[in-house]
PDB file of N, CA and C in Angstrom:
ATOM      1  N   UNK A   1     -12.144 121.259 103.649  1.00  0.00           N
ATOM      2  CA  UNK A   1     -11.686 120.633 104.866  1.00  0.00           C
ATOM      3  C   UNK A   1     -12.768 120.790 105.929  1.00  0.00           C
ATOM      4  N   UNK A   2     -13.009 119.729 106.656  1.00  0.00           N
ATOM      5  CA  UNK A   2     -14.066 119.743 107.652  1.00  0.00           C
ATOM      6  C   UNK A   2     -13.491 119.446 109.025  1.00  0.00           C
ATOM      7  N   UNK A   3     -13.943 120.210 110.023  1.00  0.00           N
ATOM      8  CA  UNK A   3     -13.480 120.010 111.381  1.00  0.00           C
ATOM      9  C   UNK A   3     -14.053 118.712 111.931  1.00  0.00           C
ATOM     10  N   UNK A   4     -13.212 117.879 112.530  1.00  0.00           N
ATOM     11  CA  UNK A   4     -13.700 116.633 113.106  1.00  0.00           C
ATOM     12  C   UNK A   4     -13.693 116.656 114.624  1.00  0.00           C
ATOM     13  N   UNK A   5     -12.799 117.431 115.242  1.00  0.00           N
ATOM     14  CA  UNK A   5     -12.823 117.531 116.690  1.00  0.00           C
ATOM     15  C   UNK A   5     -12.069 118.771 117.134  1.00  0.00           C
ATOM     16  N   UNK A   6     -12.394 119.240 118.327  1.00  0.00           N
ATOM     17  CA  UNK A   6     -11.698 120.368 118.933  1.00  0.00           C
ATOM     18  C   UNK A   6     -11.292 119.978 120.338  1.00  0.00           C
ATOM     19  N   UNK A   7     -10.206 120.547 120.806  1.00  0.00           N
ATOM     20  CA  UNK A   7      -9.754 120.303 122.170  1.00  0.00           C
ATOM     21  C   UNK A   7      -9.641 121.646 122.870  1.00  0.00           C
ATOM     22  N   UNK A   8      -9.969 121.673 124.152  1.00  0.00           N
ATOM     23  CA  UNK A   8      -9.854 122.890 124.945  1.00  0.00           C
ATOM     24  C   UNK A   8      -8.587 122.811 125.767  1.00  0.00           C
ATOM     25  N   UNK A   9      -7.782 123.849 125.722  1.00  0.00           N
ATOM     26  CA  UNK A   9      -6.573 123.929 126.532  1.00  0.00           C
ATOM     27  C   UNK A   9      -6.691 125.203 127.346  1.00  0.00           C
ATOM     28  N   UNK A  10      -6.699 125.082 128.663  1.00  0.00           N
ATOM     29  CA  UNK A  10      -6.824 126.278 129.486  1.00  0.00           C
ATOM     30  C   UNK A  10      -6.847 125.934 130.958  1.00  0.00           C
ATOM     31  N   UNK A  11      -7.157 126.908 131.780  1.00  0.00           N
ATOM     32  CA  UNK A  11      -7.227 126.763 133.227  1.00  0.00           C
ATOM     33  C   UNK A  11      -8.568 126.135 133.584  1.00  0.00           C
ATOM     34  N   UNK A  12      -8.550 124.884 134.015  1.00  0.00           N
ATOM     35  CA  UNK A  12      -9.814 124.189 134.278  1.00  0.00           C
ATOM     36  C   UNK A  12     -10.498 124.687 135.546  1.00  0.00           C
ATOM     37  N   UNK A  13      -9.775 125.431 136.396  1.00  0.00           N
ATOM     38  CA  UNK A  13     -10.384 125.960 137.615  1.00  0.00           C
ATOM     39  C   UNK A  13     -11.180 127.231 137.335  1.00  0.00           C
ATOM     40  N   UNK A  14     -10.915 127.887 136.233  1.00  0.00           N
ATOM     41  CA  UNK A  14     -11.613 129.118 135.872  1.00  0.00           C
ATOM     42  C   UNK A  14     -12.594 128.770 134.755  1.00  0.00           C
ATOM     43  N   UNK A  15     -13.887 128.931 135.006  1.00  0.00           N
ATOM     44  CA  UNK A  15     -14.884 128.501 134.019  1.00  0.00           C
ATOM     45  C   UNK A  15     -14.811 129.301 132.719  1.00  0.00           C
ATOM     46  N   UNK A  16     -14.443 130.581 132.782  1.00  0.00           N
ATOM     47  CA  UNK A  16     -14.302 131.398 131.571  1.00  0.00           C
ATOM     48  C   UNK A  16     -12.952 132.120 131.639  1.00  0.00           C
ATOM     49  N   UNK A  17     -11.889 131.469 131.175  1.00  0.00           N
ATOM     50  CA  UNK A  17     -10.575 132.121 131.223  1.00  0.00           C
ATOM     51  C   UNK A  17     -10.515 133.320 130.283  1.00  0.00           C
ATOM     52  N   UNK A  18      -9.637 134.253 130.583  1.00  0.00           N
ATOM     53  CA  UNK A  18      -9.469 135.448 129.754  1.00  0.00           C
ATOM     54  C   UNK A  18      -8.974 135.082 128.352  1.00  0.00           C
ATOM     55  N   UNK A  19      -7.932 134.256 128.290  1.00  0.00           N
ATOM     56  CA  UNK A  19      -7.338 133.858 127.011  1.00  0.00           C
ATOM     57  C   UNK A  19      -7.141 132.346 127.026  1.00  0.00           C
ATOM     58  N   UNK A  20      -7.507 131.683 125.947  1.00  0.00           N
ATOM     59  CA  UNK A  20      -7.276 130.245 125.857  1.00  0.00           C
ATOM     60  C   UNK A  20      -7.031 129.842 124.416  1.00  0.00           C
ATOM     61  N   UNK A  21      -6.632 128.579 124.248  1.00  0.00           N
ATOM     62  CA  UNK A  21      -6.268 128.037 122.947  1.00  0.00           C
ATOM     63  C   UNK A  21      -7.201 126.889 122.608  1.00  0.00           C
ATOM     64  N   UNK A  22      -7.746 126.885 121.385  1.00  0.00           N
ATOM     65  CA  UNK A  22      -8.500 125.725 120.907  1.00  0.00           C
ATOM     66  C   UNK A  22      -7.747 125.143 119.719  1.00  0.00           C
ATOM     67  N   UNK A  23      -7.864 123.836 119.563  1.00  0.00           N
ATOM     68  CA  UNK A  23      -7.163 123.132 118.488  1.00  0.00           C
ATOM     69  C   UNK A  23      -8.185 122.357 117.673  1.00  0.00           C
ATOM     70  N   UNK A  24      -8.223 122.610 116.373  1.00  0.00           N
ATOM     71  CA  UNK A  24      -9.087 121.857 115.460  1.00  0.00           C
ATOM     72  C   UNK A  24      -8.215 120.891 114.669  1.00  0.00           C
ATOM     73  N   UNK A  25      -8.537 119.604 114.744  1.00  0.00           N
ATOM     74  CA  UNK A  25      -7.843 118.590 113.945  1.00  0.00           C
ATOM     75  C   UNK A  25      -8.759 118.264 112.778  1.00  0.00           C
ATOM     76  N   UNK A  26      -8.343 118.622 111.569  1.00  0.00           N
ATOM     77  CA  UNK A  26      -9.168 118.452 110.385  1.00  0.00           C
ATOM     78  C   UNK A  26      -8.989 117.056 109.794  1.00  0.00           C
ATOM     79  N   UNK A  27      -9.986 116.602 109.046  1.00  0.00           N
ATOM     80  CA  UNK A  27      -9.928 115.270 108.426  1.00  0.00           C
ATOM     81  C   UNK A  27      -8.723 115.117 107.507  1.00  0.00           C
ATOM     82  N   UNK A  28      -8.265 116.202 106.924  1.00  0.00           N
ATOM     83  CA  UNK A  28      -7.112 116.164 106.017  1.00  0.00           C
ATOM     84  C   UNK A  28      -5.803 115.919 106.765  1.00  0.00           C
ATOM     85  N   UNK A  29      -5.835 115.989 108.094  1.00  0.00           N
ATOM     86  CA  UNK A  29      -4.624 115.831 108.893  1.00  0.00           C
ATOM     87  C   UNK A  29      -4.018 117.164 109.299  1.00  0.00           C
ATOM     88  N   UNK A  30      -4.556 118.261 108.762  1.00  0.00           N
ATOM     89  CA  UNK A  30      -4.083 119.594 109.119  1.00  0.00           C
ATOM     90  C   UNK A  30      -4.627 119.979 110.496  1.00  0.00           C
ATOM     91  N   UNK A  31      -3.988 120.993 111.100  1.00  0.00           N
ATOM     92  CA  UNK A  31      -4.438 121.517 112.387  1.00  0.00           C
ATOM     93  C   UNK A  31      -4.694 123.010 112.257  1.00  0.00           C
ATOM     94  N   UNK A  32      -5.651 123.511 113.027  1.00  0.00           N
ATOM     95  CA  UNK A  32      -5.876 124.951 113.148  1.00  0.00           C
ATOM     96  C   UNK A  32      -5.884 125.281 114.634  1.00  0.00           C
ATOM     97  N   UNK A  33      -5.058 126.243 115.011  1.00  0.00           N
ATOM     98  CA  UNK A  33      -4.972 126.694 116.390  1.00  0.00           C
ATOM     99  C   UNK A  33      -5.636 128.065 116.465  1.00  0.00           C
ATOM    100  N   UNK A  34      -6.553 128.230 117.409  1.00  0.00           N
ATOM    101  CA  UNK A  34      -7.261 129.495 117.577  1.00  0.00           C
ATOM    102  C   UNK A  34      -6.937 130.059 118.955  1.00  0.00           C
ATOM    103  N   UNK A  35      -6.445 131.284 118.991  1.00  0.00           N
ATOM    104  CA  UNK A  35      -6.240 131.977 120.255  1.00  0.00           C
ATOM    105  C   UNK A  35      -7.497 132.799 120.496  1.00  0.00           C
ATOM    106  N   UNK A  36      -8.147 132.541 121.628  1.00  0.00           N
ATOM    107  CA  UNK A  36      -9.438 133.151 121.930  1.00  0.00           C
ATOM    108  C   UNK A  36      -9.294 134.035 123.167  1.00  0.00           C
ATOM    109  N   UNK A  37      -9.770 135.274 123.058  1.00  0.00           N
ATOM    110  CA  UNK A  37      -9.762 136.205 124.182  1.00  0.00           C
ATOM    111  C   UNK A  37     -11.178 136.715 124.386  1.00  0.00           C
ATOM    112  N   UNK A  38     -11.690 136.538 125.593  1.00  0.00           N
ATOM    113  CA  UNK A  38     -13.054 136.964 125.946  1.00  0.00           C
ATOM    114  C   UNK A  38     -14.071 136.458 124.925  1.00  0.00           C
ATOM    115  N   UNK A  39     -13.991 135.163 124.613  1.00  0.00           N
ATOM    116  CA  UNK A  39     -14.910 134.459 123.714  1.00  0.00           C
ATOM    117  C   UNK A  39     -14.881 134.983 122.281  1.00  0.00           C
ATOM    118  N   UNK A  40     -13.756 135.578 121.863  1.00  0.00           N
ATOM    119  CA  UNK A  40     -13.600 136.094 120.506  1.00  0.00           C
ATOM    120  C   UNK A  40     -12.248 135.635 119.958  1.00  0.00           C
ATOM    121  N   UNK A  41     -12.242 135.034 118.760  1.00  0.00           N
ATOM    122  CA  UNK A  41     -10.988 134.571 118.153  1.00  0.00           C
ATOM    123  C   UNK A  41     -10.162 135.788 117.755  1.00  0.00           C
ATOM    124  N   UNK A  42      -8.934 135.862 118.289  1.00  0.00           N
ATOM    125  CA  UNK A  42      -8.071 136.995 117.954  1.00  0.00           C
ATOM    126  C   UNK A  42      -6.960 136.598 116.984  1.00  0.00           C
ATOM    127  N   UNK A  43      -6.687 135.279 116.863  1.00  0.00           N
ATOM    128  CA  UNK A  43      -5.636 134.823 115.944  1.00  0.00           C
ATOM    129  C   UNK A  43      -5.880 133.363 115.610  1.00  0.00           C
ATOM    130  N   UNK A  44      -5.741 133.002 114.338  1.00  0.00           N
ATOM    131  CA  UNK A  44      -5.832 131.611 113.895  1.00  0.00           C
ATOM    132  C   UNK A  44      -4.549 131.263 113.153  1.00  0.00           C
ATOM    133  N   UNK A  45      -3.973 130.116 113.519  1.00  0.00           N
ATOM    134  CA  UNK A  45      -2.746 129.640 112.890  1.00  0.00           C
ATOM    135  C   UNK A  45      -3.035 128.279 112.273  1.00  0.00           C
ATOM    136  N   UNK A  46      -2.740 128.122 110.982  1.00  0.00           N
ATOM    137  CA  UNK A  46      -2.955 126.851 110.284  1.00  0.00           C
ATOM    138  C   UNK A  46      -1.625 126.127 110.124  1.00  0.00           C
ATOM    139  N   UNK A  47      -1.648 124.813 110.375  1.00  0.00           N
ATOM    140  CA  UNK A  47      -0.466 123.976 110.206  1.00  0.00           C
ATOM    141  C   UNK A  47      -0.842 122.864 109.242  1.00  0.00           C
ATOM    142  N   UNK A  48      -0.153 122.805 108.106  1.00  0.00           N
ATOM    143  CA  UNK A  48      -0.441 121.813 107.064  1.00  0.00           C
ATOM    144  C   UNK A  48       0.272 120.496 107.352  1.00  0.00           C
ATOM    145  N   UNK A  49      -0.385 119.404 107.008  1.00  0.00           N
ATOM    146  CA  UNK A  49       0.209 118.076 107.128  1.00  0.00           C
ATOM    147  C   UNK A  49       1.276 117.920 106.046  1.00  0.00           C
ATOM    148  N   UNK A  50       2.400 117.323 106.406  1.00  0.00           N
ATOM    149  CA  UNK A  50       3.477 117.109 105.420  1.00  0.00           C
ATOM    150  C   UNK A  50       3.215 115.879 104.609  1.00  0.00           C
TER     151      UNK A  50
END
């Protein structure tokens, strides 16, 4: 599976938020959600396409 795009979700007024969420939409239709704290991934959640 190859990552095709990522989206940033967070506080746009703070250039480096403490904790934020990134979303990878894979070519297979699956999603990966990454919880990032201080520029380090602390949790990844995979959601499979039905």
